[in-house]
N, C-alpha and C. Protein backbone atom coordinates (compact mmCIF):
# COMPACT_ATOMS: atom_id res chain seq x y z
N MET A 1 1.19 -13.79 4.85
CA MET A 1 0.89 -13.05 3.65
C MET A 1 -0.45 -12.10 3.66
N LYS A 2 -0.47 -11.22 2.78
CA LYS A 2 -1.43 -10.13 2.76
C LYS A 2 -2.21 -10.33 1.42
N LYS A 3 -3.53 -10.29 1.52
CA LYS A 3 -4.33 -10.35 0.49
C LYS A 3 -4.44 -8.95 -0.23
N ILE A 4 -4.60 -8.86 -1.55
CA ILE A 4 -4.63 -7.66 -2.22
C ILE A 4 -6.08 -7.61 -2.85
N ASN A 5 -6.75 -6.49 -2.79
CA ASN A 5 -8.07 -6.23 -3.33
C ASN A 5 -7.76 -5.45 -4.59
N LEU A 6 -7.89 -6.09 -5.81
CA LEU A 6 -7.54 -5.38 -7.02
C LEU A 6 -8.71 -4.34 -7.36
N ALA A 7 -9.76 -4.47 -6.91
CA ALA A 7 -10.75 -3.37 -7.08
C ALA A 7 -10.50 -1.96 -6.51
N ASP A 8 -9.98 -2.30 -5.28
CA ASP A 8 -9.50 -0.96 -4.44
C ASP A 8 -8.28 -0.31 -5.23
N ILE A 9 -7.26 -1.13 -5.61
CA ILE A 9 -6.12 -0.52 -6.42
C ILE A 9 -6.78 0.15 -7.79
N THR A 10 -7.51 -0.44 -8.46
CA THR A 10 -8.05 0.12 -9.77
C THR A 10 -8.85 1.47 -9.53
N ASN A 11 -9.57 1.43 -8.51
CA ASN A 11 -10.38 2.58 -8.16
C ASN A 11 -9.51 3.93 -7.84
N GLN A 12 -8.30 3.60 -7.39
CA GLN A 12 -7.44 4.76 -7.06
C GLN A 12 -6.52 5.20 -8.27
N MET A 13 -6.61 4.38 -9.34
CA MET A 13 -5.76 4.66 -10.43
C MET A 13 -6.36 5.63 -11.36
N ALA A 14 -5.52 6.50 -11.99
CA ALA A 14 -6.14 7.35 -13.13
C ALA A 14 -6.20 6.49 -14.34
N GLU A 15 -6.99 7.04 -15.43
CA GLU A 15 -7.11 6.30 -16.67
C GLU A 15 -5.68 6.40 -17.35
N GLY A 16 -5.17 5.15 -17.91
CA GLY A 16 -3.91 5.07 -18.46
C GLY A 16 -2.77 4.85 -17.59
N GLU A 17 -2.95 4.69 -16.26
CA GLU A 17 -1.96 4.57 -15.43
C GLU A 17 -1.54 3.05 -15.13
N ILE A 18 -0.35 2.66 -14.97
CA ILE A 18 0.28 1.59 -14.78
C ILE A 18 0.69 1.20 -13.36
N PHE A 19 0.23 0.08 -12.83
CA PHE A 19 0.64 -0.22 -11.40
C PHE A 19 1.33 -1.76 -11.44
N GLU A 20 2.52 -1.82 -10.75
CA GLU A 20 3.19 -3.04 -10.77
C GLU A 20 3.33 -3.57 -9.34
N ILE A 21 3.02 -4.83 -9.25
CA ILE A 21 3.42 -5.66 -7.99
C ILE A 21 4.48 -6.58 -8.35
N LYS A 22 5.64 -6.16 -7.72
CA LYS A 22 6.80 -7.13 -8.04
C LYS A 22 6.84 -8.52 -7.66
N ASP A 23 6.54 -8.68 -6.31
CA ASP A 23 6.66 -10.02 -5.67
C ASP A 23 5.32 -10.37 -5.21
N ALA A 24 4.45 -10.91 -6.05
CA ALA A 24 3.13 -11.36 -5.48
C ALA A 24 3.05 -12.91 -5.58
N PHE A 25 2.43 -13.37 -4.59
CA PHE A 25 2.25 -14.97 -4.74
C PHE A 25 0.94 -15.34 -5.12
N VAL A 26 0.77 -16.05 -6.24
CA VAL A 26 -0.64 -16.39 -6.88
C VAL A 26 -0.74 -17.84 -6.93
N GLY A 27 -2.09 -18.17 -6.61
CA GLY A 27 -2.44 -19.61 -6.65
C GLY A 27 -3.21 -20.04 -5.51
N ARG A 28 -4.15 -20.95 -5.73
CA ARG A 28 -4.98 -21.32 -4.70
C ARG A 28 -4.42 -22.48 -3.94
N ILE A 29 -3.94 -23.41 -4.58
CA ILE A 29 -3.17 -24.63 -3.83
C ILE A 29 -1.66 -24.44 -3.85
N GLN A 30 -1.07 -24.18 -4.96
CA GLN A 30 0.34 -23.94 -4.86
C GLN A 30 0.68 -22.46 -5.15
N LYS A 31 1.36 -21.77 -4.13
CA LYS A 31 1.62 -20.46 -4.37
C LYS A 31 3.00 -20.32 -5.10
N GLN A 32 2.78 -19.45 -6.35
CA GLN A 32 3.86 -19.22 -7.16
C GLN A 32 4.16 -17.76 -7.05
N ARG A 33 5.38 -17.32 -7.04
CA ARG A 33 5.80 -16.02 -7.14
C ARG A 33 5.70 -15.38 -8.58
N GLU A 34 4.98 -14.46 -8.70
CA GLU A 34 4.66 -13.70 -9.91
C GLU A 34 4.89 -12.28 -9.86
N ARG A 35 4.90 -11.65 -10.97
CA ARG A 35 5.00 -10.20 -11.28
C ARG A 35 3.71 -9.70 -11.89
N ILE A 36 3.06 -8.94 -11.23
CA ILE A 36 1.76 -8.52 -11.68
C ILE A 36 1.70 -7.05 -12.17
N ILE A 37 1.26 -6.79 -13.41
CA ILE A 37 1.18 -5.51 -13.92
C ILE A 37 -0.44 -5.15 -14.20
N ILE A 38 -0.86 -4.05 -13.74
CA ILE A 38 -2.32 -3.64 -13.82
C ILE A 38 -2.20 -2.31 -14.70
N TYR A 39 -2.90 -2.39 -15.85
CA TYR A 39 -3.03 -1.18 -16.60
C TYR A 39 -4.59 -0.69 -16.87
N LYS A 40 -4.77 0.47 -16.38
CA LYS A 40 -6.15 0.95 -16.34
C LYS A 40 -6.60 1.59 -17.62
N LEU A 41 -7.37 1.07 -18.48
CA LEU A 41 -7.61 1.53 -19.82
C LEU A 41 -8.73 2.67 -19.79
N THR A 42 -9.86 2.48 -18.94
CA THR A 42 -10.93 3.53 -18.84
C THR A 42 -11.24 3.72 -17.52
N LYS A 43 -12.15 4.73 -17.34
CA LYS A 43 -12.72 5.06 -15.99
C LYS A 43 -13.52 3.97 -15.46
């Protein structure tokens, strides 16, 4: 599995842009498959 740095993703995004991660595994102990949507509101 690969770790994702959300700060790196948001720094590359423009204001108002939407970024979607379709199959992400979230959780510290039990990994659950989730869909993550990141929306950058401001700079």
